[in-house]
Amino acid sequence: MSLPHDEAWFPAKRFGYGWGIPRRWQGWLVLMIYFGALIGGVSFAQTHPVHFASCVGALSVGLFATCRWKGEPPRWRWGDPK
């Protein structure tokens, strides 16, 4: 279940499908943790590329799930409705 517009961590994109940049500090924190984990795992990618790809996939699924849970409902949008 998604949060109301004013409480959503991730707003829906104005054009297209998905979410835009975070609206609240919690969303920024989630995004920083995601990118920090990716950057931290780069050295791991040299020696274990399959494990690194698995970690990237798991982190991305986690980010998607968080956006779905704490963001506005995604749908195709073509700008501001008039």
PDB file of N, CA and C in Angstrom:
ATOM      1  N   MET A   1       0.839  -1.171   0.000  1.00  0.00           N
ATOM      2  CA  MET A   1       0.000   0.000   0.000  1.00  0.00           C
ATOM      3  C   MET A   1       0.885   1.235   0.000  1.00  0.00           C
ATOM      4  N   SER A   2       0.628   2.173  -0.882  1.00  0.00           N
ATOM      5  CA  SER A   2       1.429   3.373  -1.011  1.00  0.00           C
ATOM      6  C   SER A   2       0.958   4.452  -0.049  1.00  0.00           C
ATOM      7  N   LEU A   3       1.858   5.367   0.248  1.00  0.00           N
ATOM      8  CA  LEU A   3       1.572   6.475   1.151  1.00  0.00           C
ATOM      9  C   LEU A   3       0.841   7.591   0.418  1.00  0.00           C
ATOM     10  N   PRO A   4       0.148   8.458   1.158  1.00  0.00           N
ATOM     11  CA  PRO A   4      -0.454   9.639   0.535  1.00  0.00           C
ATOM     12  C   PRO A   4       0.621  10.547  -0.071  1.00  0.00           C
ATOM     13  N   HIS A   5       0.217  11.421  -0.971  1.00  0.00           N
ATOM     14  CA  HIS A   5       1.124  12.296  -1.702  1.00  0.00           C
ATOM     15  C   HIS A   5       2.054  13.078  -0.777  1.00  0.00           C
ATOM     16  N   ASP A   6       1.552  13.655   0.295  1.00  0.00           N
ATOM     17  CA  ASP A   6       2.372  14.497   1.167  1.00  0.00           C
ATOM     18  C   ASP A   6       3.285  13.707   2.095  1.00  0.00           C
ATOM     19  N   GLU A   7       3.093  12.409   2.233  1.00  0.00           N
ATOM     20  CA  GLU A   7       3.931  11.583   3.099  1.00  0.00           C
ATOM     21  C   GLU A   7       4.867  10.663   2.326  1.00  0.00           C
ATOM     22  N   ALA A   8       4.764  10.643   1.022  1.00  0.00           N
ATOM     23  CA  ALA A   8       5.553   9.721   0.203  1.00  0.00           C
ATOM     24  C   ALA A   8       7.032  10.114   0.207  1.00  0.00           C
ATOM     25  N   TRP A   9       7.896   9.121   0.354  1.00  0.00           N
ATOM     26  CA  TRP A   9       9.336   9.361   0.295  1.00  0.00           C
ATOM     27  C   TRP A   9       9.782   9.611  -1.138  1.00  0.00           C
ATOM     28  N   PHE A  10       9.150   8.919  -2.079  1.00  0.00           N
ATOM     29  CA  PHE A  10       9.517   9.008  -3.484  1.00  0.00           C
ATOM     30  C   PHE A  10       8.292   9.448  -4.289  1.00  0.00           C
ATOM     31  N   PRO A  11       8.332  10.627  -4.909  1.00  0.00           N
ATOM     32  CA  PRO A  11       7.195  11.052  -5.725  1.00  0.00           C
ATOM     33  C   PRO A  11       7.190  10.332  -7.068  1.00  0.00           C
ATOM     34  N   ALA A  12       6.026  10.195  -7.639  1.00  0.00           N
ATOM     35  CA  ALA A  12       5.936   9.607  -8.977  1.00  0.00           C
ATOM     36  C   ALA A  12       6.549  10.587  -9.976  1.00  0.00           C
ATOM     37  N   LYS A  13       7.140  10.037 -11.037  1.00  0.00           N
ATOM     38  CA  LYS A  13       7.728  10.889 -12.065  1.00  0.00           C
ATOM     39  C   LYS A  13       6.645  11.686 -12.763  1.00  0.00           C
ATOM     40  N   ARG A  14       7.012  12.868 -13.222  1.00  0.00           N
ATOM     41  CA  ARG A  14       6.054  13.719 -13.923  1.00  0.00           C
ATOM     42  C   ARG A  14       5.788  13.209 -15.337  1.00  0.00           C
ATOM     43  N   PHE A  15       6.826  12.670 -15.969  1.00  0.00           N
ATOM     44  CA  PHE A  15       6.702  12.089 -17.305  1.00  0.00           C
ATOM     45  C   PHE A  15       7.224  10.662 -17.265  1.00  0.00           C
ATOM     46  N   GLY A  16       6.471   9.720 -17.822  1.00  0.00           N
ATOM     47  CA  GLY A  16       6.910   8.337 -17.865  1.00  0.00           C
ATOM     48  C   GLY A  16       6.366   7.523 -16.707  1.00  0.00           C
ATOM     49  N   TYR A  17       7.096   6.452 -16.369  1.00  0.00           N
ATOM     50  CA  TYR A  17       6.654   5.524 -15.345  1.00  0.00           C
ATOM     51  C   TYR A  17       7.736   5.402 -14.285  1.00  0.00           C
ATOM     52  N   GLY A  18       7.349   5.355 -13.031  1.00  0.00           N
ATOM     53  CA  GLY A  18       8.311   5.139 -11.948  1.00  0.00           C
ATOM     54  C   GLY A  18       8.330   6.286 -10.963  1.00  0.00           C
ATOM     55  N   TRP A  19       9.486   6.431 -10.306  1.00  0.00           N
ATOM     56  CA  TRP A  19       9.627   7.426  -9.252  1.00  0.00           C
ATOM     57  C   TRP A  19      10.754   8.378  -9.578  1.00  0.00           C
ATOM     58  N   GLY A  20      10.636   9.602  -9.067  1.00  0.00           N
ATOM     59  CA  GLY A  20      11.664  10.612  -9.263  1.00  0.00           C
ATOM     60  C   GLY A  20      12.617  10.658  -8.083  1.00  0.00           C
ATOM     61  N   ILE A  21      13.311  11.787  -7.949  1.00  0.00           N
ATOM     62  CA  ILE A  21      14.251  11.931  -6.836  1.00  0.00           C
ATOM     63  C   ILE A  21      13.459  12.012  -5.529  1.00  0.00           C
ATOM     64  N   PRO A  22      14.056  11.595  -4.433  1.00  0.00           N
ATOM     65  CA  PRO A  22      13.329  11.556  -3.163  1.00  0.00           C
ATOM     66  C   PRO A  22      12.807  12.922  -2.731  1.00  0.00           C
ATOM     67  N   ARG A  23      11.684  12.901  -2.043  1.00  0.00           N
ATOM     68  CA  ARG A  23      11.048  14.105  -1.532  1.00  0.00           C
ATOM     69  C   ARG A  23      11.375  14.309  -0.052  1.00  0.00           C
ATOM     70  N   ARG A  24      11.621  13.254   0.678  1.00  0.00           N
ATOM     71  CA  ARG A  24      11.857  13.344   2.119  1.00  0.00           C
ATOM     72  C   ARG A  24      13.231  12.791   2.457  1.00  0.00           C
ATOM     73  N   TRP A  25      13.714  13.115   3.655  1.00  0.00           N
ATOM     74  CA  TRP A  25      15.059  12.699   4.052  1.00  0.00           C
ATOM     75  C   TRP A  25      15.194  11.180   4.118  1.00  0.00           C
ATOM     76  N   GLN A  26      14.113  10.481   4.432  1.00  0.00           N
ATOM     77  CA  GLN A  26      14.179   9.026   4.498  1.00  0.00           C
ATOM     78  C   GLN A  26      14.480   8.435   3.121  1.00  0.00           C
ATOM     79  N   GLY A  27      13.907   9.017   2.090  1.00  0.00           N
ATOM     80  CA  GLY A  27      14.175   8.564   0.734  1.00  0.00           C
ATOM     81  C   GLY A  27      15.625   8.807   0.333  1.00  0.00           C
ATOM     82  N   TRP A  28      16.159   9.966   0.722  1.00  0.00           N
ATOM     83  CA  TRP A  28      17.567  10.252   0.443  1.00  0.00           C
ATOM     84  C   TRP A  28      18.472   9.260   1.168  1.00  0.00           C
ATOM     85  N   LEU A  29      18.118   8.909   2.390  1.00  0.00           N
ATOM     86  CA  LEU A  29      18.908   7.944   3.147  1.00  0.00           C
ATOM     87  C   LEU A  29      18.912   6.579   2.452  1.00  0.00           C
ATOM     88  N   VAL A  30      17.750   6.130   2.014  1.00  0.00           N
ATOM     89  CA  VAL A  30      17.650   4.850   1.300  1.00  0.00           C
ATOM     90  C   VAL A  30      18.512   4.887   0.040  1.00  0.00           C
ATOM     91  N   LEU A  31      18.451   5.984  -0.703  1.00  0.00           N
ATOM     92  CA  LEU A  31      19.227   6.104  -1.928  1.00  0.00           C
ATOM     93  C   LEU A  31      20.730   6.129  -1.645  1.00  0.00           C
ATOM     94  N   MET A  32      21.154   6.815  -0.573  1.00  0.00           N
ATOM     95  CA  MET A  32      22.577   6.846  -0.209  1.00  0.00           C
ATOM     96  C   MET A  32      23.070   5.470   0.219  1.00  0.00           C
ATOM     97  N   ILE A  33      22.242   4.732   0.953  1.00  0.00           N
ATOM     98  CA  ILE A  33      22.619   3.368   1.346  1.00  0.00           C
ATOM     99  C   ILE A  33      22.760   2.484   0.110  1.00  0.00           C
ATOM    100  N   TYR A  34      21.845   2.617  -0.830  1.00  0.00           N
ATOM    101  CA  TYR A  34      21.900   1.836  -2.067  1.00  0.00           C
ATOM    102  C   TYR A  34      23.199   2.108  -2.823  1.00  0.00           C
ATOM    103  N   PHE A  35      23.490   3.382  -3.091  1.00  0.00           N
ATOM    104  CA  PHE A  35      24.694   3.713  -3.845  1.00  0.00           C
ATOM    105  C   PHE A  35      25.966   3.424  -3.053  1.00  0.00           C
ATOM    106  N   GLY A  36      25.923   3.605  -1.736  1.00  0.00           N
ATOM    107  CA  GLY A  36      27.076   3.266  -0.908  1.00  0.00           C
ATOM    108  C   GLY A  36      27.392   1.785  -0.962  1.00  0.00           C
ATOM    109  N   ALA A  37      26.363   0.951  -0.934  1.00  0.00           N
ATOM    110  CA  ALA A  37      26.577  -0.496  -1.024  1.00  0.00           C
ATOM    111  C   ALA A  37      27.112  -0.880  -2.398  1.00  0.00           C
ATOM    112  N   LEU A  38      26.625  -0.219  -3.454  1.00  0.00           N
ATOM    113  CA  LEU A  38      27.146  -0.500  -4.795  1.00  0.00           C
ATOM    114  C   LEU A  38      28.613  -0.107  -4.905  1.00  0.00           C
ATOM    115  N   ILE A  39      28.957   1.081  -4.435  1.00  0.00           N
ATOM    116  CA  ILE A  39      30.338   1.548  -4.506  1.00  0.00           C
ATOM    117  C   ILE A  39      31.239   0.675  -3.643  1.00  0.00           C
ATOM    118  N   GLY A  40      30.742   0.283  -2.473  1.00  0.00           N
ATOM    119  CA  GLY A  40      31.525  -0.583  -1.599  1.00  0.00           C
ATOM    120  C   GLY A  40      31.794  -1.951  -2.192  1.00  0.00           C
ATOM    121  N   GLY A  41      30.936  -2.409  -3.076  1.00  0.00           N
ATOM    122  CA  GLY A  41      31.104  -3.733  -3.656  1.00  0.00           C
ATOM    123  C   GLY A  41      31.899  -3.774  -4.946  1.00  0.00           C
ATOM    124  N   VAL A  42      32.355  -2.615  -5.434  1.00  0.00           N
ATOM    125  CA  VAL A  42      33.076  -2.579  -6.707  1.00  0.00           C
ATOM    126  C   VAL A  42      34.369  -3.389  -6.637  1.00  0.00           C
ATOM    127  N   SER A  43      35.099  -3.290  -5.541  1.00  0.00           N
ATOM    128  CA  SER A  43      36.337  -4.069  -5.427  1.00  0.00           C
ATOM    129  C   SER A  43      36.041  -5.577  -5.381  1.00  0.00           C
ATOM    130  N   PHE A  44      34.905  -5.935  -4.883  1.00  0.00           N
ATOM    131  CA  PHE A  44      34.453  -7.318  -4.840  1.00  0.00           C
ATOM    132  C   PHE A  44      34.148  -7.836  -6.245  1.00  0.00           C
ATOM    133  N   ALA A  45      33.797  -6.923  -7.148  1.00  0.00           N
ATOM    134  CA  ALA A  45      33.423  -7.311  -8.511  1.00  0.00           C
ATOM    135  C   ALA A  45      34.600  -7.874  -9.288  1.00  0.00           C
ATOM    136  N   GLN A  46      35.803  -7.438  -8.975  1.00  0.00           N
ATOM    137  CA  GLN A  46      36.980  -7.910  -9.697  1.00  0.00           C
ATOM    138  C   GLN A  46      37.208  -9.412  -9.507  1.00  0.00           C
ATOM    139  N   THR A  47      37.039  -9.872  -8.277  1.00  0.00           N
ATOM    140  CA  THR A  47      37.342 -11.270  -7.980  1.00  0.00           C
ATOM    141  C   THR A  47      36.138 -12.204  -8.053  1.00  0.00           C
ATOM    142  N   HIS A  48      34.935 -11.674  -7.834  1.00  0.00           N
ATOM    143  CA  HIS A  48      33.713 -12.491  -7.830  1.00  0.00           C
ATOM    144  C   HIS A  48      32.602 -11.783  -8.620  1.00  0.00           C
ATOM    145  N   PRO A  49      32.710 -11.740  -9.939  1.00  0.00           N
ATOM    146  CA  PRO A  49      31.722 -10.979 -10.721  1.00  0.00           C
ATOM    147  C   PRO A  49      30.299 -11.521 -10.625  1.00  0.00           C
ATOM    148  N   VAL A  50      30.135 -12.820 -10.516  1.00  0.00           N
ATOM    149  CA  VAL A  50      28.785 -13.393 -10.429  1.00  0.00           C
ATOM    150  C   VAL A  50      28.137 -13.024  -9.098  1.00  0.00           C
ATOM    151  N   HIS A  51      28.903 -13.090  -8.026  1.00  0.00           N
ATOM    152  CA  HIS A  51      28.369 -12.703  -6.717  1.00  0.00           C
ATOM    153  C   HIS A  51      28.045 -11.218  -6.680  1.00  0.00           C
ATOM    154  N   PHE A  52      28.902 -10.407  -7.303  1.00  0.00           N
ATOM    155  CA  PHE A  52      28.639  -8.967  -7.347  1.00  0.00           C
ATOM    156  C   PHE A  52      27.351  -8.686  -8.120  1.00  0.00           C
ATOM    157  N   ALA A  53      27.156  -9.354  -9.248  1.00  0.00           N
ATOM    158  CA  ALA A  53      25.927  -9.169 -10.032  1.00  0.00           C
ATOM    159  C   ALA A  53      24.704  -9.586  -9.218  1.00  0.00           C
ATOM    160  N   SER A  54      24.836 -10.637  -8.444  1.00  0.00           N
ATOM    161  CA  SER A  54      23.734 -11.066  -7.577  1.00  0.00           C
ATOM    162  C   SER A  54      23.424 -10.013  -6.519  1.00  0.00           C
ATOM    163  N   CYS A  55      24.471  -9.431  -5.956  1.00  0.00           N
ATOM    164  CA  CYS A  55      24.278  -8.380  -4.945  1.00  0.00           C
ATOM    165  C   CYS A  55      23.628  -7.143  -5.547  1.00  0.00           C
ATOM    166  N   VAL A  56      24.057  -6.757  -6.755  1.00  0.00           N
ATOM    167  CA  VAL A  56      23.454  -5.617  -7.444  1.00  0.00           C
ATOM    168  C   VAL A  56      21.969  -5.891  -7.689  1.00  0.00           C
ATOM    169  N   GLY A  57      21.657  -7.093  -8.124  1.00  0.00           N
ATOM    170  CA  GLY A  57      20.258  -7.458  -8.343  1.00  0.00           C
ATOM    171  C   GLY A  57      19.442  -7.406  -7.064  1.00  0.00           C
ATOM    172  N   ALA A  58      19.990  -7.940  -5.975  1.00  0.00           N
ATOM    173  CA  ALA A  58      19.273  -7.939  -4.700  1.00  0.00           C
ATOM    174  C   ALA A  58      19.086  -6.515  -4.177  1.00  0.00           C
ATOM    175  N   LEU A  59      20.120  -5.685  -4.283  1.00  0.00           N
ATOM    176  CA  LEU A  59      19.999  -4.289  -3.847  1.00  0.00           C
ATOM    177  C   LEU A  59      18.953  -3.541  -4.674  1.00  0.00           C
ATOM    178  N   SER A  60      18.944  -3.795  -5.987  1.00  0.00           N
ATOM    179  CA  SER A  60      17.980  -3.121  -6.860  1.00  0.00           C
ATOM    180  C   SER A  60      16.547  -3.553  -6.568  1.00  0.00           C
ATOM    181  N   VAL A  61      16.362  -4.836  -6.297  1.00  0.00           N
ATOM    182  CA  VAL A  61      15.027  -5.314  -5.923  1.00  0.00           C
ATOM    183  C   VAL A  61      14.595  -4.672  -4.601  1.00  0.00           C
ATOM    184  N   GLY A  62      15.532  -4.551  -3.673  1.00  0.00           N
ATOM    185  CA  GLY A  62      15.225  -3.899  -2.400  1.00  0.00           C
ATOM    186  C   GLY A  62      14.863  -2.431  -2.576  1.00  0.00           C
ATOM    187  N   LEU A  63      15.586  -1.727  -3.448  1.00  0.00           N
ATOM    188  CA  LEU A  63      15.264  -0.319  -3.720  1.00  0.00           C
ATOM    189  C   LEU A  63      13.898  -0.206  -4.374  1.00  0.00           C
ATOM    190  N   PHE A  64      13.629  -1.061  -5.340  1.00  0.00           N
ATOM    191  CA  PHE A  64      12.327  -1.048  -6.006  1.00  0.00           C
ATOM    192  C   PHE A  64      11.198  -1.308  -5.005  1.00  0.00           C
ATOM    193  N   ALA A  65      11.394  -2.292  -4.126  1.00  0.00           N
ATOM    194  CA  ALA A  65      10.370  -2.619  -3.127  1.00  0.00           C
ATOM    195  C   ALA A  65      10.143  -1.450  -2.170  1.00  0.00           C
ATOM    196  N   THR A  66      11.218  -0.764  -1.788  1.00  0.00           N
ATOM    197  CA  THR A  66      11.086   0.390  -0.900  1.00  0.00           C
ATOM    198  C   THR A  66      10.352   1.523  -1.600  1.00  0.00           C
ATOM    199  N   CYS A  67      10.675   1.767  -2.860  1.00  0.00           N
ATOM    200  CA  CYS A  67       9.978   2.810  -3.623  1.00  0.00           C
ATOM    201  C   CYS A  67       8.497   2.468  -3.774  1.00  0.00           C
ATOM    202  N   ARG A  68       8.213   1.219  -4.017  1.00  0.00           N
ATOM    203  CA  ARG A  68       6.819   0.786  -4.167  1.00  0.00           C
ATOM    204  C   ARG A  68       6.051   0.947  -2.858  1.00  0.00           C
ATOM    205  N   TRP A  69       6.734   0.631  -1.741  1.00  0.00           N
ATOM    206  CA  TRP A  69       6.101   0.670  -0.420  1.00  0.00           C
ATOM    207  C   TRP A  69       5.949   2.098   0.094  1.00  0.00           C
ATOM    208  N   LYS A  70       6.977   2.919  -0.047  1.00  0.00           N
ATOM    209  CA  LYS A  70       6.997   4.256   0.546  1.00  0.00           C
ATOM    210  C   LYS A  70       6.849   5.378  -0.469  1.00  0.00           C
ATOM    211  N   GLY A  71       6.517   5.050  -1.703  1.00  0.00           N
ATOM    212  CA  GLY A  71       6.365   6.069  -2.734  1.00  0.00           C
ATOM    213  C   GLY A  71       4.933   6.192  -3.209  1.00  0.00           C
ATOM    214  N   GLU A  72       4.722   7.200  -4.040  1.00  0.00           N
ATOM    215  CA  GLU A  72       3.410   7.372  -4.654  1.00  0.00           C
ATOM    216  C   GLU A  72       3.145   6.222  -5.621  1.00  0.00           C
ATOM    217  N   PRO A  73       1.905   5.917  -5.862  1.00  0.00           N
ATOM    218  CA  PRO A  73       1.610   4.835  -6.809  1.00  0.00           C
ATOM    219  C   PRO A  73       2.127   5.182  -8.207  1.00  0.00           C
ATOM    220  N   PRO A  74       2.908   4.294  -8.807  1.00  0.00           N
ATOM    221  CA  PRO A  74       3.407   4.595 -10.154  1.00  0.00           C
ATOM    222  C   PRO A  74       2.341   4.338 -11.209  1.00  0.00           C
ATOM    223  N   ARG A  75       2.345   5.151 -12.228  1.00  0.00           N
ATOM    224  CA  ARG A  75       1.498   4.949 -13.404  1.00  0.00           C
ATOM    225  C   ARG A  75       2.079   5.800 -14.516  1.00  0.00           C
ATOM    226  N   TRP A  76       1.675   5.521 -15.745  1.00  0.00           N
ATOM    227  CA  TRP A  76       2.167   6.310 -16.862  1.00  0.00           C
ATOM    228  C   TRP A  76       1.647   7.730 -16.731  1.00  0.00           C
ATOM    229  N   ARG A  77       2.544   8.694 -16.841  1.00  0.00           N
ATOM    230  CA  ARG A  77       2.158  10.099 -16.741  1.00  0.00           C
ATOM    231  C   ARG A  77       2.746  10.855 -17.920  1.00  0.00           C
ATOM    232  N   TRP A  78       2.005  11.879 -18.352  1.00  0.00           N
ATOM    233  CA  TRP A  78       2.444  12.706 -19.467  1.00  0.00           C
ATOM    234  C   TRP A  78       2.402  14.172 -19.082  1.00  0.00           C
ATOM    235  N   GLY A  79       2.854  14.520 -17.884  1.00  0.00           N
ATOM    236  CA  GLY A  79       2.869  15.907 -17.422  1.00  0.00           C
ATOM    237  C   GLY A  79       1.752  16.153 -16.431  1.00  0.00           C
ATOM    238  N   ASP A  80       1.565  17.414 -16.109  1.00  0.00           N
ATOM    239  CA  ASP A  80       0.516  17.783 -15.155  1.00  0.00           C
ATOM    240  C   ASP A  80      -0.856  17.622 -15.779  1.00  0.00           C
ATOM    241  N   PRO A  81      -1.776  16.935 -15.079  1.00  0.00           N
ATOM    242  CA  PRO A  81      -3.138  16.839 -15.604  1.00  0.00           C
ATOM    243  C   PRO A  81      -3.848  18.183 -15.501  1.00  0.00           C
ATOM    244  N   LYS A  82      -4.590  18.519 -16.505  1.00  0.00           N
ATOM    245  CA  LYS A  82      -5.293  19.804 -16.487  1.00  0.00           C
ATOM    246  C   LYS A  82      -6.770  19.599 -16.414  1.00  0.00           C
TER     247      LYS A  82
END
